[in-house]
Amino acid sequence: MRIVPVAFDHPDAVKLNDQVQLEYAERYGEQGDLTPLEPAHFDPPRGLYLIAYEDDGTPVATGGWRAHEANAEGYADGDAELKRMYVVRGARGRGLARRILADLEEDATAAGRVRMVLETGDMQPEAIALYTSSGYAPAVTKFGYYRNYPSSRCFTKPLG
């Protein structure tokens, strides 16, 4: 297993992003996550996008972070937002998400970010379990694209 940085518009990233969007649609009965994302959001040093590959080159997991400053969506100065954390069904239960999460936290800290934030939904209990077991706490004030949705769950963790 190897975890490598890639561009958000890399063909493997696009493939896995399409898969996670289908999963969101299945879970929420909608069209997936509509949060606006651009490849440049994940360009270092203001972001990073990772893919985990099997030894045979098969992409099996992704995750990224992007920088935010205080804005109308409720983010604060120094925030790093987790996006597109995903593990394909056949590779779940092997700790890949936890490894990617740790790498992203380390990178965001090195980039000077002070808080990791994320937005998930109530139909993703395994994601919520990962984040809470990794030191994330429910946000006092919700943020992000889905902050006004009742199903939205926001979490934060201090970095550094």
C-alpha atoms as a PDB file:
ATOM      1  CA  MET A   1       0.000   0.000   0.000  1.00  0.00           C
ATOM      2  CA  ARG A   2       1.267   3.452  -0.843  1.00  0.00           C
ATOM      3  CA  ILE A   3      -0.301   6.872  -0.261  1.00  0.00           C
ATOM      4  CA  VAL A   4       0.720   9.585  -2.699  1.00  0.00           C
ATOM      5  CA  PRO A   5      -0.229  13.200  -3.374  1.00  0.00           C
ATOM      6  CA  VAL A   6      -2.071  13.802  -6.638  1.00  0.00           C
ATOM      7  CA  ALA A   7      -3.955  16.646  -8.263  1.00  0.00           C
ATOM      8  CA  PHE A   8      -7.688  16.749  -7.538  1.00  0.00           C
ATOM      9  CA  ASP A   9      -8.315  16.405 -11.278  1.00  0.00           C
ATOM     10  CA  HIS A  10      -5.961  13.407 -11.696  1.00  0.00           C
ATOM     11  CA  PRO A  11      -7.832  10.594 -13.518  1.00  0.00           C
ATOM     12  CA  ASP A  12      -7.720   8.315 -10.450  1.00  0.00           C
ATOM     13  CA  ALA A  13      -9.017  11.120  -8.240  1.00  0.00           C
ATOM     14  CA  VAL A  14     -11.857  11.786 -10.683  1.00  0.00           C
ATOM     15  CA  LYS A  15     -12.709   8.071 -10.746  1.00  0.00           C
ATOM     16  CA  LEU A  16     -12.872   7.802  -6.956  1.00  0.00           C
ATOM     17  CA  ASN A  17     -14.694  11.121  -6.661  1.00  0.00           C
ATOM     18  CA  ASP A  18     -17.363   9.771  -9.019  1.00  0.00           C
ATOM     19  CA  GLN A  19     -17.680   6.689  -6.801  1.00  0.00           C
ATOM     20  CA  VAL A  20     -18.068   8.682  -3.602  1.00  0.00           C
ATOM     21  CA  GLN A  21     -20.658  10.913  -5.271  1.00  0.00           C
ATOM     22  CA  LEU A  22     -22.686   7.798  -6.147  1.00  0.00           C
ATOM     23  CA  GLU A  23     -22.457   6.650  -2.553  1.00  0.00           C
ATOM     24  CA  TYR A  24     -23.674  10.038  -1.305  1.00  0.00           C
ATOM     25  CA  ALA A  25     -26.587   9.833  -3.727  1.00  0.00           C
ATOM     26  CA  GLU A  26     -27.450   6.322  -2.479  1.00  0.00           C
ATOM     27  CA  ARG A  27     -27.325   7.372   1.158  1.00  0.00           C
ATOM     28  CA  TYR A  28     -29.116  10.702   0.856  1.00  0.00           C
ATOM     29  CA  GLY A  29     -31.311  10.134  -2.179  1.00  0.00           C
ATOM     30  CA  GLU A  30     -29.934  13.205  -3.865  1.00  0.00           C
ATOM     31  CA  GLN A  31     -27.311  13.996  -6.474  1.00  0.00           C
ATOM     32  CA  GLY A  32     -24.207  13.841  -4.301  1.00  0.00           C
ATOM     33  CA  ASP A  33     -22.186  16.573  -2.641  1.00  0.00           C
ATOM     34  CA  LEU A  34     -22.723  19.900  -4.404  1.00  0.00           C
ATOM     35  CA  THR A  35     -20.009  21.752  -2.476  1.00  0.00           C
ATOM     36  CA  PRO A  36     -18.045  23.747  -5.071  1.00  0.00           C
ATOM     37  CA  LEU A  37     -14.540  22.296  -5.393  1.00  0.00           C
ATOM     38  CA  GLU A  38     -11.753  23.310  -7.752  1.00  0.00           C
ATOM     39  CA  PRO A  39      -8.501  21.423  -8.349  1.00  0.00           C
ATOM     40  CA  ALA A  40      -6.536  24.501  -7.242  1.00  0.00           C
ATOM     41  CA  HIS A  41      -8.152  24.289  -3.772  1.00  0.00           C
ATOM     42  CA  PHE A  42      -5.910  21.292  -3.063  1.00  0.00           C
ATOM     43  CA  ASP A  43      -2.649  22.723  -4.384  1.00  0.00           C
ATOM     44  CA  PRO A  44       0.126  22.905  -1.761  1.00  0.00           C
ATOM     45  CA  PRO A  45       0.748  24.768   0.418  1.00  0.00           C
ATOM     46  CA  ARG A  46      -2.954  25.639   0.813  1.00  0.00           C
ATOM     47  CA  GLY A  47      -4.176  22.087   0.435  1.00  0.00           C
ATOM     48  CA  LEU A  48      -3.307  18.513  -0.392  1.00  0.00           C
ATOM     49  CA  TYR A  49      -5.068  15.608  -2.064  1.00  0.00           C
ATOM     50  CA  LEU A  50      -4.004  12.010  -1.420  1.00  0.00           C
ATOM     51  CA  ILE A  51      -4.776   8.652  -2.991  1.00  0.00           C
ATOM     52  CA  ALA A  52      -3.979   5.271  -1.472  1.00  0.00           C
ATOM     53  CA  TYR A  53      -2.959   2.651  -4.024  1.00  0.00           C
ATOM     54  CA  GLU A  54      -2.790  -1.117  -3.698  1.00  0.00           C
ATOM     55  CA  ASP A  55       0.566  -2.652  -4.635  1.00  0.00           C
ATOM     56  CA  ASP A  56      -0.901  -3.505  -8.063  1.00  0.00           C
ATOM     57  CA  GLY A  57      -1.677   0.184  -8.730  1.00  0.00           C
ATOM     58  CA  THR A  58      -5.400   0.074  -7.993  1.00  0.00           C
ATOM     59  CA  PRO A  59      -6.626   3.320  -6.341  1.00  0.00           C
ATOM     60  CA  VAL A  60      -8.643   2.448  -3.226  1.00  0.00           C
ATOM     61  CA  ALA A  61      -8.926   5.528  -0.994  1.00  0.00           C
ATOM     62  CA  THR A  62      -8.792   9.306  -1.124  1.00  0.00           C
ATOM     63  CA  GLY A  63      -8.859  12.362   1.057  1.00  0.00           C
ATOM     64  CA  GLY A  64      -7.849  15.968   0.907  1.00  0.00           C
ATOM     65  CA  TRP A  65      -7.745  19.218   2.782  1.00  0.00           C
ATOM     66  CA  ARG A  66      -8.118  22.805   1.621  1.00  0.00           C
ATOM     67  CA  ALA A  67      -7.410  26.074   3.422  1.00  0.00           C
ATOM     68  CA  HIS A  68     -10.080  28.495   4.585  1.00  0.00           C
ATOM     69  CA  GLU A  69     -10.104  31.851   6.250  1.00  0.00           C
ATOM     70  CA  ALA A  70     -13.061  33.484   8.005  1.00  0.00           C
ATOM     71  CA  ASN A  71     -15.984  33.777   5.597  1.00  0.00           C
ATOM     72  CA  ALA A  72     -19.764  33.811   5.286  1.00  0.00           C
ATOM     73  CA  GLU A  73     -19.967  29.995   5.352  1.00  0.00           C
ATOM     74  CA  GLY A  74     -18.802  29.974   8.979  1.00  0.00           C
ATOM     75  CA  TYR A  75     -15.140  29.041   8.561  1.00  0.00           C
ATOM     76  CA  ALA A  76     -12.493  30.680  10.760  1.00  0.00           C
ATOM     77  CA  ASP A  77      -9.025  32.000   9.998  1.00  0.00           C
ATOM     78  CA  GLY A  78      -6.547  29.133   9.841  1.00  0.00           C
ATOM     79  CA  ASP A  79      -9.075  26.392   9.077  1.00  0.00           C
ATOM     80  CA  ALA A  80      -8.186  23.333   7.017  1.00  0.00           C
ATOM     81  CA  GLU A  81     -11.271  21.570   5.675  1.00  0.00           C
ATOM     82  CA  LEU A  82     -11.295  17.824   5.058  1.00  0.00           C
ATOM     83  CA  LYS A  83     -12.915  16.812   1.769  1.00  0.00           C
ATOM     84  CA  ARG A  84     -13.605  13.605  -0.136  1.00  0.00           C
ATOM     85  CA  MET A  85     -12.500  11.126   2.488  1.00  0.00           C
ATOM     86  CA  TYR A  86     -13.459   7.848   0.836  1.00  0.00           C
ATOM     87  CA  VAL A  87     -12.467   4.185   0.812  1.00  0.00           C
ATOM     88  CA  VAL A  88     -13.833   1.795  -1.820  1.00  0.00           C
ATOM     89  CA  ARG A  89     -16.075  -0.906  -0.382  1.00  0.00           C
ATOM     90  CA  GLY A  90     -13.631  -3.758  -0.968  1.00  0.00           C
ATOM     91  CA  ALA A  91     -10.842  -2.004   0.962  1.00  0.00           C
ATOM     92  CA  ARG A  92     -12.779  -0.864   4.033  1.00  0.00           C
ATOM     93  CA  GLY A  93     -11.844  -1.991   7.519  1.00  0.00           C
ATOM     94  CA  ARG A  94      -8.093  -1.882   6.882  1.00  0.00           C
ATOM     95  CA  GLY A  95      -7.354   1.487   8.493  1.00  0.00           C
ATOM     96  CA  LEU A  96      -6.825   3.365   5.219  1.00  0.00           C
ATOM     97  CA  ALA A  97      -9.064   6.294   6.126  1.00  0.00           C
ATOM     98  CA  ARG A  98      -7.299   6.670   9.468  1.00  0.00           C
ATOM     99  CA  ARG A  99      -3.882   6.657   7.740  1.00  0.00           C
ATOM    100  CA  ILE A 100      -4.973   9.259   5.192  1.00  0.00           C
ATOM    101  CA  LEU A 101      -6.556  11.372   7.922  1.00  0.00           C
ATOM    102  CA  ALA A 102      -3.318  11.359   9.942  1.00  0.00           C
ATOM    103  CA  ASP A 103      -1.268  12.327   6.866  1.00  0.00           C
ATOM    104  CA  LEU A 104      -3.667  15.175   6.056  1.00  0.00           C
ATOM    105  CA  GLU A 105      -3.599  16.481   9.631  1.00  0.00           C
ATOM    106  CA  GLU A 106       0.197  16.393   9.634  1.00  0.00           C
ATOM    107  CA  ASP A 107       0.398  18.253   6.327  1.00  0.00           C
ATOM    108  CA  ALA A 108      -2.162  20.890   7.341  1.00  0.00           C
ATOM    109  CA  THR A 109      -0.279  21.476  10.585  1.00  0.00           C
ATOM    110  CA  ALA A 110       3.012  21.875   8.701  1.00  0.00           C
ATOM    111  CA  ALA A 111       1.258  24.380   6.414  1.00  0.00           C
ATOM    112  CA  GLY A 112       0.354  26.515   9.441  1.00  0.00           C
ATOM    113  CA  ARG A 113      -3.313  25.591   9.701  1.00  0.00           C
ATOM    114  CA  VAL A 114      -4.650  25.711  13.272  1.00  0.00           C
ATOM    115  CA  ARG A 115      -7.907  23.759  13.064  1.00  0.00           C
ATOM    116  CA  MET A 116      -9.156  20.859  10.966  1.00  0.00           C
ATOM    117  CA  VAL A 117     -12.847  21.039  10.154  1.00  0.00           C
ATOM    118  CA  LEU A 118     -15.201  18.747   8.317  1.00  0.00           C
ATOM    119  CA  GLU A 119     -18.787  18.442   7.319  1.00  0.00           C
ATOM    120  CA  THR A 120     -20.466  15.034   7.027  1.00  0.00           C
ATOM    121  CA  GLY A 121     -24.001  13.757   7.269  1.00  0.00           C
ATOM    122  CA  ASP A 122     -26.102  11.740   9.647  1.00  0.00           C
ATOM    123  CA  MET A 123     -26.299   8.873   7.122  1.00  0.00           C
ATOM    124  CA  GLN A 124     -22.539   8.279   7.436  1.00  0.00           C
ATOM    125  CA  PRO A 125     -22.159   6.737  10.911  1.00  0.00           C
ATOM    126  CA  GLU A 126     -18.837   5.088  10.052  1.00  0.00           C
ATOM    127  CA  ALA A 127     -17.375   8.488   9.107  1.00  0.00           C
ATOM    128  CA  ILE A 128     -18.661  10.035  12.322  1.00  0.00           C
ATOM    129  CA  ALA A 129     -17.131   7.135  14.294  1.00  0.00           C
ATOM    130  CA  LEU A 130     -13.760   7.629  12.548  1.00  0.00           C
ATOM    131  CA  TYR A 131     -13.696  11.344  13.285  1.00  0.00           C
ATOM    132  CA  THR A 132     -14.842  11.160  16.902  1.00  0.00           C
ATOM    133  CA  SER A 133     -12.363   8.348  17.639  1.00  0.00           C
ATOM    134  CA  SER A 134      -9.645  10.541  16.072  1.00  0.00           C
ATOM    135  CA  GLY A 135     -10.254  13.469  18.424  1.00  0.00           C
ATOM    136  CA  TYR A 136     -12.866  15.463  16.509  1.00  0.00           C
ATOM    137  CA  ALA A 137     -15.676  17.115  18.464  1.00  0.00           C
ATOM    138  CA  PRO A 138     -19.031  18.376  17.219  1.00  0.00           C
ATOM    139  CA  ALA A 139     -18.715  22.002  16.112  1.00  0.00           C
ATOM    140  CA  VAL A 140     -20.356  24.630  18.281  1.00  0.00           C
ATOM    141  CA  THR A 141     -21.469  26.460  15.142  1.00  0.00           C
ATOM    142  CA  LYS A 142     -22.014  24.633  11.868  1.00  0.00           C
ATOM    143  CA  PHE A 143     -20.162  25.732   8.721  1.00  0.00           C
ATOM    144  CA  GLY A 144     -19.894  24.893   5.058  1.00  0.00           C
ATOM    145  CA  TYR A 145     -22.204  24.394   2.129  1.00  0.00           C
ATOM    146  CA  TYR A 146     -24.676  22.190   4.027  1.00  0.00           C
ATOM    147  CA  ARG A 147     -24.580  24.055   7.349  1.00  0.00           C
ATOM    148  CA  ASN A 148     -28.318  24.787   7.250  1.00  0.00           C
ATOM    149  CA  TYR A 149     -29.362  21.197   6.514  1.00  0.00           C
ATOM    150  CA  PRO A 150     -30.723  19.222   9.496  1.00  0.00           C
ATOM    151  CA  SER A 151     -28.754  16.135   8.398  1.00  0.00           C
ATOM    152  CA  SER A 152     -25.436  18.021   8.379  1.00  0.00           C
ATOM    153  CA  ARG A 153     -22.910  17.194  11.078  1.00  0.00           C
ATOM    154  CA  CYS A 154     -19.853  19.413  11.531  1.00  0.00           C
ATOM    155  CA  PHE A 155     -16.741  18.503  13.491  1.00  0.00           C
ATOM    156  CA  THR A 156     -13.527  20.274  14.468  1.00  0.00           C
ATOM    157  CA  LYS A 157     -10.122  19.372  15.870  1.00  0.00           C
ATOM    158  CA  PRO A 158      -7.338  21.722  16.923  1.00  0.00           C
ATOM    159  CA  LEU A 159      -4.061  21.187  15.070  1.00  0.00           C
ATOM    160  CA  GLY A 160      -0.535  21.624  16.328  1.00  0.00           C
END
